[in-house]
């Protein structure tokens, strides 16, 4: 099932309902990759990952700038990735006022010491600020969808130190014609 959501002003609403202490682990990583659609291209330079043990969700945000440890700390305290983009420059100010970014929210069943691609129960892909400011396109991807997209995926939820991630999306989405992405943390 896929859905398109355009969020304007949603950020302010989310801030009111997100608890400050949510009991989660977050970490920053160097990342490589690219997002493209037609002539628009964005290089991926960093990632912030957040594990939520209560929800059994790993969220990975991919950004076109160097995220800092302070950015990861913000996400650990208030679990929303747009906090990472606050005050950061756009990679192409002629195209985007605010930096676009992607988030993957991977859902899991049982708690384990280590997870792999085969443990992913599904994923929500959010494509933020790509088409216009304050817009989000949401794609709901099944475990079957993820099998062909996840080239490498392992992590231990306690620390996130050993996260390895490589995703490649070259499937045609009705919501975003010609949208492609590939990104890696910990090498391809």
N, C-alpha and C. Protein backbone atom coordinates (compact mmCIF):
# COMPACT_ATOMS: atom_id res chain seq x y z
N UNK A 1 0.84 -1.17 0.00
CA UNK A 1 0.00 0.00 0.00
C UNK A 1 0.89 1.23 0.00
N UNK A 2 0.61 2.16 -0.85
CA UNK A 2 1.37 3.40 -0.91
C UNK A 2 0.41 4.57 -0.76
N UNK A 3 0.88 5.62 -0.14
CA UNK A 3 0.05 6.79 0.11
C UNK A 3 0.92 8.02 -0.06
N UNK A 4 0.34 9.08 -0.46
CA UNK A 4 1.03 10.35 -0.60
C UNK A 4 0.49 11.30 0.44
N UNK A 5 1.39 11.91 1.19
CA UNK A 5 1.02 12.83 2.25
C UNK A 5 1.79 14.11 2.04
N UNK A 6 1.11 15.20 1.96
CA UNK A 6 1.77 16.49 1.89
C UNK A 6 1.51 17.18 3.21
N UNK A 7 2.58 17.42 3.94
CA UNK A 7 2.45 17.98 5.28
C UNK A 7 2.88 19.44 5.28
N UNK A 8 1.99 20.32 5.59
CA UNK A 8 2.30 21.73 5.75
C UNK A 8 1.92 22.09 7.17
N UNK A 9 2.88 22.56 7.93
CA UNK A 9 2.62 22.89 9.31
C UNK A 9 2.56 21.67 10.22
N UNK A 10 2.83 20.50 9.70
CA UNK A 10 2.77 19.28 10.49
C UNK A 10 3.87 19.25 11.54
N UNK A 11 4.99 19.87 11.25
CA UNK A 11 6.12 19.87 12.17
C UNK A 11 5.72 20.46 13.51
N UNK A 12 5.05 21.57 13.52
CA UNK A 12 4.63 22.20 14.77
C UNK A 12 3.68 21.31 15.54
N UNK A 13 2.78 20.64 14.86
CA UNK A 13 1.83 19.76 15.52
C UNK A 13 2.55 18.57 16.14
N UNK A 14 3.50 17.97 15.43
CA UNK A 14 4.23 16.83 15.95
C UNK A 14 5.00 17.18 17.21
N UNK A 15 5.56 18.36 17.28
CA UNK A 15 6.34 18.76 18.44
C UNK A 15 5.51 18.76 19.71
N UNK A 16 4.24 19.04 19.60
CA UNK A 16 3.38 19.09 20.76
C UNK A 16 3.09 17.71 21.34
N UNK A 17 3.19 16.66 20.54
CA UNK A 17 2.79 15.33 20.97
C UNK A 17 3.94 14.35 21.15
N UNK A 18 5.17 14.78 20.95
CA UNK A 18 6.31 13.89 21.07
C UNK A 18 6.91 14.05 22.47
N UNK A 19 6.97 12.97 23.24
CA UNK A 19 7.55 13.08 24.58
C UNK A 19 9.04 13.34 24.51
N UNK A 20 9.54 14.16 25.42
CA UNK A 20 10.95 14.54 25.41
C UNK A 20 11.85 13.36 25.78
N UNK A 21 11.47 12.55 26.73
CA UNK A 21 12.28 11.40 27.12
C UNK A 21 11.59 10.14 26.61
N UNK A 22 12.14 9.53 25.59
CA UNK A 22 11.46 8.42 24.93
C UNK A 22 12.24 7.12 25.06
N UNK A 23 13.37 7.12 25.79
CA UNK A 23 14.15 5.92 26.01
C UNK A 23 14.67 5.28 24.75
N UNK A 24 15.51 5.97 24.01
CA UNK A 24 16.02 5.43 22.77
C UNK A 24 17.50 5.74 22.60
N UNK A 25 18.11 5.08 21.63
CA UNK A 25 19.52 5.25 21.32
C UNK A 25 19.61 5.89 19.94
N UNK A 26 20.51 6.87 19.79
CA UNK A 26 20.72 7.50 18.48
C UNK A 26 22.21 7.66 18.24
N UNK A 27 22.61 7.64 16.97
CA UNK A 27 24.02 7.78 16.61
C UNK A 27 24.13 8.43 15.24
N UNK A 28 25.29 9.05 14.99
CA UNK A 28 25.59 9.72 13.73
C UNK A 28 26.59 8.88 12.95
N UNK A 29 26.47 8.93 11.61
CA UNK A 29 27.36 8.17 10.74
C UNK A 29 27.74 8.98 9.52
N UNK A 30 28.93 8.69 8.98
CA UNK A 30 29.25 9.16 7.64
C UNK A 30 28.47 8.25 6.69
N UNK A 31 27.99 8.81 5.62
CA UNK A 31 27.22 8.03 4.64
C UNK A 31 27.61 8.47 3.24
N UNK A 32 27.34 7.61 2.29
CA UNK A 32 27.57 7.93 0.89
C UNK A 32 26.31 7.62 0.11
N UNK A 33 26.16 8.25 -1.02
CA UNK A 33 25.03 7.94 -1.88
C UNK A 33 24.51 9.15 -2.61
N UNK A 34 23.39 8.93 -3.31
CA UNK A 34 22.78 9.99 -4.10
C UNK A 34 21.28 9.75 -4.23
N UNK A 35 20.55 10.84 -4.26
CA UNK A 35 19.12 10.83 -4.55
C UNK A 35 18.95 11.62 -5.84
N UNK A 36 18.10 11.15 -6.74
CA UNK A 36 17.90 11.88 -7.99
C UNK A 36 16.48 11.70 -8.51
N UNK A 37 16.08 12.68 -9.27
CA UNK A 37 14.81 12.64 -10.00
C UNK A 37 14.95 13.63 -11.15
N UNK A 38 14.83 13.14 -12.36
CA UNK A 38 15.04 13.97 -13.54
C UNK A 38 16.39 14.68 -13.42
N UNK A 39 16.41 16.02 -13.43
CA UNK A 39 17.68 16.74 -13.36
C UNK A 39 18.10 17.07 -11.93
N UNK A 40 17.24 16.87 -10.97
CA UNK A 40 17.57 17.16 -9.56
C UNK A 40 18.41 16.04 -8.99
N UNK A 41 19.53 16.43 -8.36
CA UNK A 41 20.42 15.45 -7.73
C UNK A 41 20.85 15.98 -6.37
N UNK A 42 20.97 15.05 -5.42
CA UNK A 42 21.41 15.41 -4.08
C UNK A 42 22.37 14.34 -3.59
N UNK A 43 23.57 14.74 -3.21
CA UNK A 43 24.53 13.80 -2.62
C UNK A 43 24.21 13.60 -1.15
N UNK A 44 24.31 12.37 -0.69
CA UNK A 44 24.11 12.06 0.73
C UNK A 44 25.48 12.06 1.39
N UNK A 45 25.60 12.80 2.50
CA UNK A 45 26.88 12.93 3.18
C UNK A 45 26.90 12.32 4.58
N UNK A 46 25.71 12.23 5.21
CA UNK A 46 25.69 11.71 6.57
C UNK A 46 24.34 11.08 6.88
N UNK A 47 24.31 10.40 8.02
CA UNK A 47 23.08 9.75 8.48
C UNK A 47 22.99 9.86 9.99
N UNK A 48 21.76 9.86 10.48
CA UNK A 48 21.49 9.73 11.90
C UNK A 48 20.54 8.56 12.04
N UNK A 49 20.88 7.62 12.93
CA UNK A 49 20.03 6.46 13.17
C UNK A 49 19.49 6.54 14.59
N UNK A 50 18.25 6.08 14.77
CA UNK A 50 17.60 6.09 16.08
C UNK A 50 16.87 4.76 16.27
N UNK A 51 17.18 4.06 17.37
CA UNK A 51 16.49 2.82 17.71
C UNK A 51 15.50 3.10 18.83
N UNK A 52 14.26 2.71 18.63
CA UNK A 52 13.22 2.83 19.64
C UNK A 52 12.82 1.42 20.08
N UNK A 53 13.27 1.01 21.26
CA UNK A 53 13.02 -0.35 21.73
C UNK A 53 11.54 -0.59 22.03
N UNK A 54 10.82 0.43 22.47
CA UNK A 54 9.39 0.27 22.77
C UNK A 54 8.60 -0.05 21.51
N UNK A 55 8.90 0.62 20.42
CA UNK A 55 8.17 0.44 19.16
C UNK A 55 8.82 -0.60 18.25
N UNK A 56 10.07 -0.99 18.58
CA UNK A 56 10.87 -1.89 17.74
C UNK A 56 11.01 -1.33 16.32
N UNK A 57 11.47 -0.08 16.29
CA UNK A 57 11.64 0.65 15.02
C UNK A 57 13.06 1.22 14.98
N UNK A 58 13.73 1.02 13.84
CA UNK A 58 15.00 1.69 13.56
C UNK A 58 14.71 2.74 12.50
N UNK A 59 14.97 4.00 12.83
CA UNK A 59 14.79 5.08 11.87
C UNK A 59 16.17 5.57 11.45
N UNK A 60 16.36 5.67 10.13
CA UNK A 60 17.62 6.18 9.58
C UNK A 60 17.29 7.39 8.72
N UNK A 61 17.87 8.54 9.08
CA UNK A 61 17.74 9.76 8.29
C UNK A 61 18.99 9.96 7.45
N UNK A 62 18.83 10.25 6.17
CA UNK A 62 19.94 10.47 5.25
C UNK A 62 19.94 11.94 4.83
N UNK A 63 21.10 12.61 5.01
CA UNK A 63 21.16 14.06 4.87
C UNK A 63 22.24 14.52 3.88
N UNK A 64 22.02 15.70 3.25
CA UNK A 64 22.99 16.23 2.28
C UNK A 64 24.04 17.15 2.92
N UNK A 65 24.33 16.95 4.19
CA UNK A 65 25.31 17.76 4.93
C UNK A 65 25.90 16.85 6.01
N UNK A 66 26.91 17.35 6.71
CA UNK A 66 27.53 16.57 7.78
C UNK A 66 26.74 16.75 9.07
N UNK A 67 26.02 15.71 9.47
CA UNK A 67 25.33 15.74 10.76
C UNK A 67 26.37 15.62 11.87
N UNK A 68 26.04 16.12 13.04
CA UNK A 68 26.98 16.12 14.17
C UNK A 68 26.48 15.19 15.27
N UNK A 69 27.35 14.95 16.25
CA UNK A 69 26.93 14.18 17.42
C UNK A 69 25.80 14.91 18.16
N UNK A 70 25.85 16.24 18.15
CA UNK A 70 24.78 17.02 18.78
C UNK A 70 23.44 16.79 18.07
N UNK A 71 23.48 16.63 16.75
CA UNK A 71 22.25 16.32 16.01
C UNK A 71 21.68 14.98 16.46
N UNK A 72 22.54 13.98 16.62
CA UNK A 72 22.08 12.67 17.09
C UNK A 72 21.51 12.78 18.50
N UNK A 73 22.13 13.59 19.36
CA UNK A 73 21.62 13.79 20.72
C UNK A 73 20.22 14.41 20.69
N UNK A 74 20.01 15.37 19.78
CA UNK A 74 18.67 15.98 19.65
C UNK A 74 17.62 14.94 19.30
N UNK A 75 17.97 14.06 18.38
CA UNK A 75 17.03 13.02 17.93
C UNK A 75 16.77 12.00 19.04
N UNK A 76 17.78 11.73 19.87
CA UNK A 76 17.58 10.81 20.99
C UNK A 76 16.60 11.41 22.00
N UNK A 77 16.63 12.73 22.17
CA UNK A 77 15.76 13.39 23.15
C UNK A 77 14.36 13.64 22.60
N UNK A 78 14.28 14.11 21.37
CA UNK A 78 13.00 14.38 20.70
C UNK A 78 13.06 13.64 19.37
N UNK A 79 12.36 12.50 19.26
CA UNK A 79 12.57 11.59 18.13
C UNK A 79 11.94 12.02 16.81
N UNK A 80 12.41 13.14 16.28
CA UNK A 80 11.99 13.59 14.95
C UNK A 80 13.22 14.04 14.19
N UNK A 81 13.38 13.55 12.97
CA UNK A 81 14.59 13.81 12.19
C UNK A 81 14.70 15.25 11.69
N UNK A 82 13.58 15.99 11.61
CA UNK A 82 13.73 17.35 11.09
C UNK A 82 14.57 18.20 12.02
N UNK A 83 14.75 17.80 13.28
CA UNK A 83 15.63 18.53 14.19
C UNK A 83 17.06 18.58 13.66
N UNK A 84 17.46 17.59 12.90
CA UNK A 84 18.81 17.53 12.35
C UNK A 84 19.02 18.62 11.30
N UNK A 85 17.97 18.99 10.59
CA UNK A 85 18.10 19.97 9.49
C UNK A 85 18.05 21.41 9.96
N UNK A 86 17.69 21.65 11.20
CA UNK A 86 17.53 23.01 11.72
C UNK A 86 18.83 23.80 11.55
N UNK A 87 18.78 24.87 10.78
CA UNK A 87 19.93 25.73 10.56
C UNK A 87 20.93 25.22 9.54
N UNK A 88 20.65 24.10 8.91
CA UNK A 88 21.59 23.54 7.93
C UNK A 88 21.29 24.11 6.54
N UNK A 89 22.31 24.26 5.71
CA UNK A 89 22.12 24.83 4.38
C UNK A 89 21.51 23.84 3.39
N UNK A 90 20.84 24.37 2.41
CA UNK A 90 20.32 23.55 1.31
C UNK A 90 21.47 23.18 0.39
N UNK A 91 21.47 21.96 -0.16
CA UNK A 91 22.54 21.59 -1.10
C UNK A 91 22.42 22.32 -2.44
N UNK A 92 21.24 22.86 -2.73
CA UNK A 92 21.01 23.60 -3.97
C UNK A 92 19.95 24.66 -3.69
N UNK A 93 20.36 25.84 -3.21
CA UNK A 93 19.39 26.88 -2.82
C UNK A 93 18.49 27.34 -3.97
N UNK A 94 18.92 27.18 -5.21
CA UNK A 94 18.06 27.56 -6.34
C UNK A 94 16.88 26.59 -6.46
N UNK A 95 17.05 25.36 -6.01
CA UNK A 95 15.98 24.36 -6.10
C UNK A 95 15.22 24.19 -4.78
N UNK A 96 15.95 24.16 -3.65
CA UNK A 96 15.34 23.88 -2.36
C UNK A 96 15.70 24.98 -1.35
N UNK A 97 14.71 25.55 -0.68
CA UNK A 97 14.97 26.50 0.40
C UNK A 97 15.59 25.80 1.60
N UNK A 98 15.03 24.66 1.95
CA UNK A 98 15.49 23.86 3.08
C UNK A 98 16.08 22.56 2.55
N UNK A 99 17.01 21.96 3.31
CA UNK A 99 17.61 20.73 2.81
C UNK A 99 16.60 19.59 2.74
N UNK A 100 16.51 18.93 1.60
CA UNK A 100 15.68 17.73 1.52
C UNK A 100 16.41 16.58 2.22
N UNK A 101 15.66 15.58 2.62
CA UNK A 101 16.27 14.40 3.23
C UNK A 101 15.31 13.23 3.16
N UNK A 102 15.85 12.03 3.40
CA UNK A 102 15.05 10.81 3.41
C UNK A 102 15.10 10.21 4.80
N UNK A 103 14.00 9.60 5.23
CA UNK A 103 14.02 8.78 6.43
C UNK A 103 13.41 7.42 6.12
N UNK A 104 14.06 6.40 6.62
CA UNK A 104 13.55 5.03 6.55
C UNK A 104 13.20 4.63 7.98
N UNK A 105 11.97 4.19 8.20
CA UNK A 105 11.57 3.67 9.51
C UNK A 105 11.30 2.18 9.34
N UNK A 106 12.26 1.36 9.78
CA UNK A 106 12.16 -0.10 9.65
C UNK A 106 11.47 -0.68 10.87
N UNK A 107 10.47 -1.52 10.65
CA UNK A 107 9.72 -2.14 11.74
C UNK A 107 10.16 -3.60 11.91
N UNK A 108 10.23 -4.01 13.18
CA UNK A 108 10.66 -5.36 13.52
C UNK A 108 9.66 -6.01 14.46
N UNK A 109 9.70 -7.35 14.54
CA UNK A 109 8.80 -8.09 15.42
C UNK A 109 9.41 -8.28 16.79
N UNK A 110 10.19 -9.31 16.95
CA UNK A 110 10.77 -9.65 18.24
C UNK A 110 12.02 -8.82 18.53
N UNK A 111 12.30 -8.63 19.81
CA UNK A 111 13.55 -8.00 20.23
C UNK A 111 14.66 -9.03 20.09
N UNK A 112 15.77 -8.63 19.48
CA UNK A 112 16.93 -9.50 19.28
C UNK A 112 18.20 -8.75 19.60
N UNK A 113 19.28 -9.49 19.74
CA UNK A 113 20.58 -8.85 19.97
C UNK A 113 21.12 -8.23 18.70
N UNK A 114 20.84 -8.86 17.56
CA UNK A 114 21.30 -8.37 16.26
C UNK A 114 20.17 -8.56 15.25
N UNK A 115 20.01 -7.58 14.37
CA UNK A 115 19.01 -7.66 13.31
C UNK A 115 19.70 -7.68 11.95
N UNK A 116 19.04 -8.32 10.99
CA UNK A 116 19.51 -8.34 9.60
C UNK A 116 18.35 -7.96 8.69
N UNK A 117 18.61 -7.89 7.41
CA UNK A 117 17.57 -7.52 6.43
C UNK A 117 16.38 -8.47 6.49
N UNK A 118 16.61 -9.73 6.77
CA UNK A 118 15.53 -10.71 6.83
C UNK A 118 14.57 -10.49 7.99
N UNK A 119 14.97 -9.69 8.98
CA UNK A 119 14.12 -9.41 10.14
C UNK A 119 13.18 -8.23 9.92
N UNK A 120 13.35 -7.49 8.84
CA UNK A 120 12.53 -6.30 8.58
C UNK A 120 11.11 -6.74 8.26
N UNK A 121 10.15 -6.22 9.03
CA UNK A 121 8.74 -6.54 8.81
C UNK A 121 8.07 -5.58 7.84
N UNK A 122 8.66 -4.44 7.63
CA UNK A 122 8.13 -3.43 6.72
C UNK A 122 8.88 -2.14 6.95
N UNK A 123 8.60 -1.15 6.12
CA UNK A 123 9.35 0.10 6.19
C UNK A 123 8.46 1.25 5.71
N UNK A 124 8.62 2.39 6.35
CA UNK A 124 8.01 3.62 5.87
C UNK A 124 9.15 4.51 5.37
N UNK A 125 9.08 4.92 4.12
CA UNK A 125 10.07 5.82 3.54
C UNK A 125 9.43 7.20 3.42
N UNK A 126 10.04 8.17 4.09
CA UNK A 126 9.59 9.56 4.02
C UNK A 126 10.59 10.36 3.18
N UNK A 127 10.09 11.04 2.18
CA UNK A 127 10.90 11.88 1.32
C UNK A 127 10.48 13.31 1.62
N UNK A 128 11.35 14.04 2.33
CA UNK A 128 10.98 15.32 2.93
C UNK A 128 11.61 16.49 2.19
N UNK A 129 10.81 17.51 1.92
CA UNK A 129 11.23 18.76 1.27
C UNK A 129 11.75 18.57 -0.15
N UNK A 130 11.49 17.43 -0.76
CA UNK A 130 12.01 17.17 -2.10
C UNK A 130 11.25 17.97 -3.15
N UNK A 131 9.94 17.85 -3.14
CA UNK A 131 9.13 18.52 -4.16
C UNK A 131 8.92 20.00 -3.85
N UNK A 132 8.69 20.32 -2.58
CA UNK A 132 8.56 21.71 -2.16
C UNK A 132 8.75 21.78 -0.65
N UNK A 133 8.94 22.97 -0.13
CA UNK A 133 9.16 23.19 1.30
C UNK A 133 7.99 22.62 2.10
N UNK A 134 8.33 22.00 3.23
CA UNK A 134 7.34 21.43 4.15
C UNK A 134 6.46 20.38 3.51
N UNK A 135 6.96 19.67 2.52
CA UNK A 135 6.18 18.59 1.92
C UNK A 135 6.86 17.26 2.23
N UNK A 136 6.06 16.23 2.40
CA UNK A 136 6.57 14.89 2.64
C UNK A 136 5.79 13.92 1.78
N UNK A 137 6.51 13.11 1.04
CA UNK A 137 5.90 12.00 0.32
C UNK A 137 6.21 10.75 1.13
N UNK A 138 5.18 9.98 1.43
CA UNK A 138 5.31 8.80 2.27
C UNK A 138 5.04 7.55 1.42
N UNK A 139 5.98 6.60 1.47
CA UNK A 139 5.80 5.32 0.80
C UNK A 139 5.84 4.22 1.84
N UNK A 140 4.82 3.38 1.88
CA UNK A 140 4.78 2.24 2.78
C UNK A 140 5.27 1.02 2.00
N UNK A 141 6.36 0.43 2.47
CA UNK A 141 7.00 -0.67 1.77
C UNK A 141 6.90 -1.94 2.62
N UNK A 142 6.52 -3.03 1.98
CA UNK A 142 6.38 -4.31 2.68
C UNK A 142 7.75 -4.96 2.86
N UNK A 143 7.78 -6.03 3.65
CA UNK A 143 9.02 -6.80 3.80
C UNK A 143 9.47 -7.32 2.43
N UNK A 144 8.52 -7.72 1.58
CA UNK A 144 8.84 -8.17 0.23
C UNK A 144 9.47 -7.07 -0.61
N UNK A 145 8.94 -5.84 -0.51
CA UNK A 145 9.53 -4.70 -1.22
C UNK A 145 10.98 -4.49 -0.78
N UNK A 146 11.23 -4.63 0.52
CA UNK A 146 12.55 -4.35 1.08
C UNK A 146 13.59 -5.39 0.68
N UNK A 147 13.16 -6.63 0.41
CA UNK A 147 14.12 -7.69 0.07
C UNK A 147 15.00 -7.32 -1.10
N UNK A 148 14.45 -6.74 -2.12
CA UNK A 148 15.24 -6.36 -3.28
C UNK A 148 16.00 -5.05 -3.10
N UNK A 149 15.59 -4.24 -2.13
CA UNK A 149 16.19 -2.93 -1.94
C UNK A 149 17.35 -2.92 -0.95
N UNK A 150 17.26 -3.74 0.10
CA UNK A 150 18.31 -3.78 1.11
C UNK A 150 19.44 -4.69 0.65
N UNK A 151 20.56 -4.11 0.32
CA UNK A 151 21.71 -4.86 -0.15
C UNK A 151 22.56 -5.34 1.03
N UNK A 152 22.58 -4.56 2.09
CA UNK A 152 23.29 -4.90 3.31
C UNK A 152 22.53 -4.26 4.46
N UNK A 153 22.37 -4.99 5.57
CA UNK A 153 21.63 -4.42 6.69
C UNK A 153 21.87 -5.27 7.93
N UNK A 154 22.64 -4.76 8.87
CA UNK A 154 22.84 -5.40 10.17
C UNK A 154 23.02 -4.32 11.22
N UNK A 155 22.54 -4.59 12.43
CA UNK A 155 22.80 -3.69 13.56
C UNK A 155 22.44 -4.38 14.86
N UNK A 156 23.06 -3.89 15.94
CA UNK A 156 22.72 -4.30 17.30
C UNK A 156 22.02 -3.12 17.95
N UNK A 157 20.79 -3.29 18.41
CA UNK A 157 20.02 -2.14 18.89
C UNK A 157 20.54 -1.48 20.15
N UNK A 158 21.34 -2.16 20.95
CA UNK A 158 21.80 -1.56 22.20
C UNK A 158 22.66 -0.33 22.02
N UNK A 159 23.54 -0.34 21.01
CA UNK A 159 24.49 0.77 20.85
C UNK A 159 24.43 1.40 19.47
N UNK A 160 24.00 0.68 18.47
CA UNK A 160 24.00 1.13 17.06
C UNK A 160 25.40 1.32 16.49
N UNK A 161 26.45 0.95 17.24
CA UNK A 161 27.81 1.18 16.76
C UNK A 161 28.17 0.38 15.52
N UNK A 162 27.57 -0.77 15.36
CA UNK A 162 27.96 -1.64 14.25
C UNK A 162 26.96 -1.63 13.10
N UNK A 163 26.23 -0.54 12.94
CA UNK A 163 25.23 -0.44 11.88
C UNK A 163 25.89 -0.53 10.51
N UNK A 164 25.39 -1.42 9.68
CA UNK A 164 25.79 -1.53 8.28
C UNK A 164 24.50 -1.47 7.47
N UNK A 165 24.48 -0.61 6.48
CA UNK A 165 23.25 -0.33 5.76
C UNK A 165 23.59 0.03 4.33
N UNK A 166 22.95 -0.63 3.37
CA UNK A 166 23.07 -0.26 1.96
C UNK A 166 21.72 -0.49 1.33
N UNK A 167 21.13 0.56 0.81
CA UNK A 167 19.80 0.48 0.20
C UNK A 167 19.88 1.08 -1.20
N UNK A 168 19.14 0.47 -2.11
CA UNK A 168 19.09 1.00 -3.48
C UNK A 168 17.64 0.93 -3.95
N UNK A 169 17.09 2.08 -4.26
CA UNK A 169 15.72 2.16 -4.73
C UNK A 169 15.68 2.64 -6.17
N UNK A 170 15.42 1.72 -7.09
CA UNK A 170 15.32 2.11 -8.50
C UNK A 170 14.00 1.65 -9.09
N UNK A 171 13.06 1.34 -8.22
CA UNK A 171 11.72 0.95 -8.65
C UNK A 171 10.93 2.21 -9.00
N UNK A 172 10.08 2.14 -9.97
CA UNK A 172 9.27 3.29 -10.38
C UNK A 172 8.09 3.44 -9.41
N UNK A 173 8.00 4.59 -8.78
CA UNK A 173 6.91 4.88 -7.87
C UNK A 173 5.89 5.77 -8.57
N UNK A 174 4.64 5.42 -8.45
CA UNK A 174 3.58 6.24 -9.04
C UNK A 174 3.62 7.65 -8.47
N UNK A 175 3.95 7.76 -7.18
CA UNK A 175 3.96 9.04 -6.50
C UNK A 175 5.09 9.96 -6.96
N UNK A 176 6.21 9.37 -7.37
CA UNK A 176 7.39 10.14 -7.76
C UNK A 176 8.03 9.50 -8.99
N UNK A 177 7.62 9.91 -10.13
CA UNK A 177 8.16 9.35 -11.38
C UNK A 177 9.66 9.66 -11.48
N UNK A 178 10.44 8.64 -11.79
CA UNK A 178 11.87 8.83 -12.01
C UNK A 178 12.69 9.02 -10.74
N UNK A 179 12.12 8.83 -9.56
CA UNK A 179 12.82 9.03 -8.29
C UNK A 179 13.72 7.82 -8.02
N UNK A 180 15.00 8.07 -7.76
CA UNK A 180 15.97 7.02 -7.51
C UNK A 180 16.83 7.40 -6.31
N UNK A 181 17.30 6.38 -5.58
CA UNK A 181 18.20 6.65 -4.47
C UNK A 181 19.08 5.44 -4.21
N UNK A 182 20.27 5.72 -3.71
CA UNK A 182 21.17 4.69 -3.23
C UNK A 182 22.00 5.31 -2.12
N UNK A 183 22.15 4.59 -1.01
CA UNK A 183 22.90 5.11 0.12
C UNK A 183 23.51 3.96 0.89
N UNK A 184 24.64 4.27 1.57
CA UNK A 184 25.33 3.26 2.36
C UNK A 184 25.93 3.87 3.60
N UNK A 185 25.89 3.08 4.68
CA UNK A 185 26.62 3.37 5.92
C UNK A 185 27.48 2.15 6.16
N UNK A 186 28.77 2.36 6.39
CA UNK A 186 29.66 1.23 6.63
C UNK A 186 30.08 0.53 5.35
N UNK A 187 30.04 1.21 4.24
CA UNK A 187 30.48 0.64 2.97
C UNK A 187 29.40 -0.12 2.25
N UNK A 188 29.61 -0.37 0.94
CA UNK A 188 28.61 -1.07 0.13
C UNK A 188 28.85 -2.56 0.13
